[in-house]
Protein backbone atom coordinates (compact mmCIF):
# COMPACT_ATOMS: atom_id res chain seq x y z
CA MET A 1 15.08 4.39 -7.25
CA LYS A 2 12.60 6.46 -9.06
CA PHE A 3 9.85 3.63 -8.57
CA VAL A 4 10.67 3.46 -4.89
CA THR A 5 10.42 7.25 -4.61
CA CYS A 6 6.99 6.97 -6.10
CA GLU A 7 5.80 4.64 -3.61
CA VAL A 8 7.29 6.73 -0.73
CA LEU A 9 5.40 9.83 -2.32
CA ASN A 10 2.13 7.78 -2.25
CA PHE A 11 2.61 7.21 1.33
CA ALA A 12 3.50 10.83 2.01
CA ASN A 13 0.43 12.12 -0.07
CA VAL A 14 -2.04 10.12 2.27
CA ILE A 15 -0.48 11.32 5.47
CA GLY A 16 -0.47 14.83 4.03
CA GLN A 17 -4.28 14.55 2.82
CA ILE A 18 -5.01 13.27 6.54
CA TYR A 19 -3.34 16.30 7.97
CA LEU A 20 -4.90 18.81 5.60
CA THR A 21 -8.30 17.52 6.19
CA ASP A 22 -7.76 17.41 10.01
CA MET A 23 -6.79 21.15 9.82
CA PHE A 24 -9.68 21.99 7.50
CA LEU A 25 -12.36 20.54 10.15
CA GLY A 26 -10.53 22.31 13.18
CA TYR A 27 -8.19 19.39 14.10
CA SER A 28 -11.05 17.01 14.79
CA PHE A 29 -10.58 14.64 11.74
CA THR A 30 -7.88 12.28 13.24
CA LYS A 31 -10.19 11.25 16.07
CA TYR A 32 -13.55 11.63 14.12
CA GLY A 33 -13.82 8.27 12.84
CA ARG A 34 -12.49 6.64 15.92
CA ASP A 35 -15.08 8.43 18.15
CA VAL A 36 -18.09 7.56 15.75
CA PHE A 37 -16.91 3.94 15.84
CA SER A 38 -16.54 3.83 19.49
CA LEU A 39 -20.07 5.25 20.05
CA SER A 40 -21.89 3.50 17.37
CA GLN A 41 -23.08 0.87 19.92
CA GLU A 42 -24.41 3.36 22.75
CA ASP A 43 -27.84 4.52 23.15
CA LEU A 44 -29.01 7.03 20.70
CA ASN A 45 -30.81 9.16 23.46
CA ASN A 46 -27.70 9.36 25.77
CA ARG A 47 -24.68 9.32 23.50
CA SER A 48 -22.90 12.57 22.50
CA ASP A 49 -22.56 12.11 18.66
CA PRO A 50 -19.31 13.24 17.44
CA MET A 51 -20.89 13.79 14.05
CA ASP A 52 -23.14 16.42 15.59
CA GLN A 53 -20.22 18.23 16.88
CA VAL A 54 -18.22 18.59 13.66
CA PHE A 55 -21.33 18.76 11.32
CA PRO A 56 -24.26 20.23 13.29
CA LYS A 57 -27.45 19.68 11.75
CA VAL A 58 -29.29 22.48 13.70
CA THR A 59 -27.78 25.78 14.54
CA LYS A 60 -28.34 29.28 15.74
CA CYS A 61 -28.67 31.62 12.65
CA PHE A 62 -28.53 35.44 12.85
CA PHE A 63 -30.35 37.44 10.24
CA GLN A 64 -30.21 41.15 9.33
CA LYS A 65 -32.71 42.71 6.98
CA TYR A 66 -34.50 46.09 6.60
CA GLY A 67 -37.76 46.88 8.53
CA PRO A 68 -40.70 48.70 7.38
CA SER A 69 -39.11 52.06 8.48
CA GLY A 70 -35.72 51.28 6.69
CA THR A 71 -33.79 50.36 9.71
CA ILE A 72 -31.96 47.05 10.04
CA GLN A 73 -33.67 44.57 12.26
CA LYS A 74 -31.78 41.76 13.75
CA HIS A 75 -33.55 38.26 14.02
CA ASP A 76 -32.33 35.07 15.69
CA ALA A 77 -33.60 31.64 14.53
CA LEU A 78 -32.81 28.02 14.49
CA CYS A 79 -31.62 26.91 11.05
CA VAL A 80 -31.49 23.35 9.75
CA LEU A 81 -28.44 22.34 7.62
CA PRO A 82 -29.48 19.43 5.52
CA LEU A 83 -26.07 19.49 3.68
CA ASN A 84 -24.35 18.38 6.77
CA ILE A 85 -26.25 15.12 6.79
CA ILE A 86 -24.49 14.30 3.58
CA ASN A 87 -21.07 15.85 4.81
CA GLU A 88 -20.76 13.57 7.68
CA LYS A 89 -21.15 10.54 5.71
CA ILE A 90 -18.66 11.72 3.16
CA TYR A 91 -15.96 12.41 5.84
CA ILE A 92 -16.50 9.19 7.84
CA PHE A 93 -16.17 7.35 4.49
CA LEU A 94 -12.88 9.50 3.75
CA TYR A 95 -11.65 8.77 7.47
CA PHE A 96 -11.52 5.02 6.98
CA TRP A 97 -10.50 5.28 3.34
CA PHE A 98 -7.59 7.41 4.52
CA VAL A 99 -6.74 4.88 7.26
CA PHE A 100 -6.76 2.08 4.88
CA LEU A 101 -4.64 3.54 2.26
CA ALA A 102 -2.14 4.59 5.06
CA ALA A 103 -1.87 1.29 6.50
CA ILE A 104 -1.55 -0.42 2.96
CA SER A 105 1.14 2.08 1.99
CA ALA A 106 2.93 1.55 5.19
CA VAL A 107 3.13 -2.21 5.07
CA TRP A 108 4.18 -2.03 1.23
CA LEU A 109 6.93 0.16 2.22
CA ILE A 110 8.19 -2.47 4.72
CA TYR A 111 8.18 -5.07 2.13
CA ARG A 112 10.13 -2.71 -0.23
CA LEU A 113 12.63 -1.97 2.41
CA LEU A 114 12.99 -5.86 3.11
CA THR A 115 13.43 -6.47 -0.60
CA ILE A 116 16.01 -3.88 -0.87
CA ILE A 117 18.02 -5.10 2.42
CA SER A 118 17.83 -8.91 1.94
CA HIS A 119 18.81 -10.87 -1.34
CA ASP A 120 17.05 -13.96 0.13
CA VAL A 121 13.80 -11.96 0.24
CA ARG A 122 14.20 -11.05 -3.41
CA VAL A 123 14.94 -14.48 -4.32
CA SER A 124 11.97 -15.94 -2.53
CA VAL A 125 9.41 -13.30 -4.00
CA ILE A 126 10.30 -14.46 -7.38
CA PHE A 127 10.39 -18.06 -6.65
CA ALA A 128 6.74 -17.53 -5.28
CA ARG A 129 5.62 -15.60 -8.17
CA SER A 130 6.90 -18.22 -10.60
CA GLU A 131 4.91 -20.59 -8.74
CA ARG A 132 7.81 -22.55 -7.79
CA MET A 133 8.79 -23.36 -11.42
CA VAL A 134 12.25 -21.79 -11.11
CA ARG A 135 14.79 -23.08 -8.69
CA LYS A 136 15.94 -20.74 -6.07
CA GLU A 137 19.53 -21.32 -7.20
CA THR A 138 18.76 -20.30 -10.65
CA ILE A 139 16.92 -17.02 -9.34
CA SER A 140 19.87 -16.15 -7.27
CA ALA A 141 22.47 -16.65 -9.83
CA CYS A 142 20.32 -14.18 -12.22
CA LEU A 143 20.30 -11.60 -9.34
CA SER A 144 24.04 -11.76 -8.56
CA ASN A 145 25.62 -10.38 -11.70
CA PRO A 146 29.17 -9.62 -10.41
CA ASP A 147 29.56 -6.68 -13.10
CA HIS A 148 26.52 -4.91 -11.63
CA THR A 149 26.61 -2.53 -8.63
CA GLY A 150 24.27 -3.14 -5.70
CA LEU A 151 21.82 -0.55 -7.27
CA GLU A 152 21.92 -2.06 -10.58
CA ARG A 153 21.07 -5.52 -9.00
CA LEU A 154 17.98 -4.09 -7.35
CA GLY A 155 17.06 -3.00 -10.91
CA ASP A 156 17.67 -6.59 -12.12
CA TYR A 157 15.30 -7.87 -9.38
CA LEU A 158 12.49 -5.25 -10.36
CA LEU A 159 12.77 -6.14 -14.10
CA LEU A 160 12.87 -9.92 -13.55
CA TYR A 161 9.77 -9.63 -11.03
CA LEU A 162 7.74 -7.69 -13.55
CA ILE A 163 8.71 -10.31 -16.19
CA THR A 164 7.73 -13.09 -13.88
CA LYS A 165 4.66 -11.48 -13.08
CA ASN A 166 3.49 -11.07 -16.63
CA VAL A 167 4.78 -14.33 -18.25
CA ASN A 168 3.24 -17.75 -17.96
CA PRO A 169 4.94 -19.89 -15.34
CA LEU A 170 5.56 -22.78 -17.91
CA ILE A 171 7.74 -20.51 -19.83
CA ILE A 172 9.45 -18.39 -17.20
CA LYS A 173 11.67 -21.45 -16.26
CA ASP A 174 13.38 -21.23 -19.83
CA VAL A 175 13.80 -17.44 -19.43
CA PHE A 176 15.77 -17.83 -15.99
CA GLU A 177 17.79 -20.42 -17.53
CA ARG A 178 18.68 -18.35 -20.43
CA ILE A 179 19.46 -15.40 -18.28
CA ALA A 180 21.47 -17.37 -15.73
CA PRO A 181 25.37 -16.93 -16.17
CA GLU A 182 27.17 -19.50 -18.45
CA LYS A 183 29.53 -20.32 -15.73
CA TYR A 184 26.50 -21.26 -13.30
CA GLY A 185 24.92 -23.23 -16.30
CA ALA A 186 28.28 -25.15 -16.72
CA ASN A 187 28.32 -26.06 -13.23
CA ASP A 188 24.88 -27.49 -13.32
CA GLU A 189 25.80 -29.46 -16.27
CA GLU A 190 29.04 -30.91 -14.45
CA LEU A 191 26.82 -31.72 -11.49
CA SER A 192 24.14 -33.39 -13.55
CA ALA A 193 26.85 -35.42 -15.38
CA LEU A 194 28.41 -36.45 -12.17
CA LYS A 195 25.12 -37.74 -10.63
CA LYS A 196 24.65 -39.85 -13.98
CA SER A 197 28.04 -41.21 -13.60
CA SER A 198 27.58 -42.13 -9.93
CA ALA A 199 24.09 -43.74 -10.71
CA PRO A 200 25.59 -47.14 -12.23
CA ASP A 201 28.01 -47.47 -9.36
CA MET A 202 25.12 -47.13 -6.74
CA ALA A 203 23.10 -49.91 -8.81
CA ASP A 204 26.04 -52.37 -8.39
CA MET A 205 26.24 -51.77 -4.88
């Protein structure tokens, strides 16, 4: 559950970063990248660039300084803000990066929810990770310990998944066969013996 909580916190962190950045930029960040992307194909001379609205490169400046007589003089001028040329590139990258992270985190949470809800999904995930070297029946037996609670079985899945991920597929089959309950192994042996005993009868026919 701590592992799943960390995954939820990852998603919450991305959403929080998007909200804080949006608030910092005057609530224009959430539509910033979308507007830039939608206007990227339009004529440069006719379009209203959203990057210029959020990060203006030329603006009106107001200066106050002492004149020759010692009084304060007020001056209006146009100021160039070269730093905003860099800022607009940084925040357009952050926009798409946050969207990418949020999408990946959301999809991963859906996947995690499916593995929590469905036993068959857990079996299929380990089966695919083991490169189909371990039978689904064996995996299911290892994940269905009757002495464990539902939460403990989820822990069994996480541990066995990580073992499968880091162990050679040629070895993982032996690992699961040793972990599988003895009763399940006995049933497999009886079934194998039954098949062998029935083979001569089929040959005579």
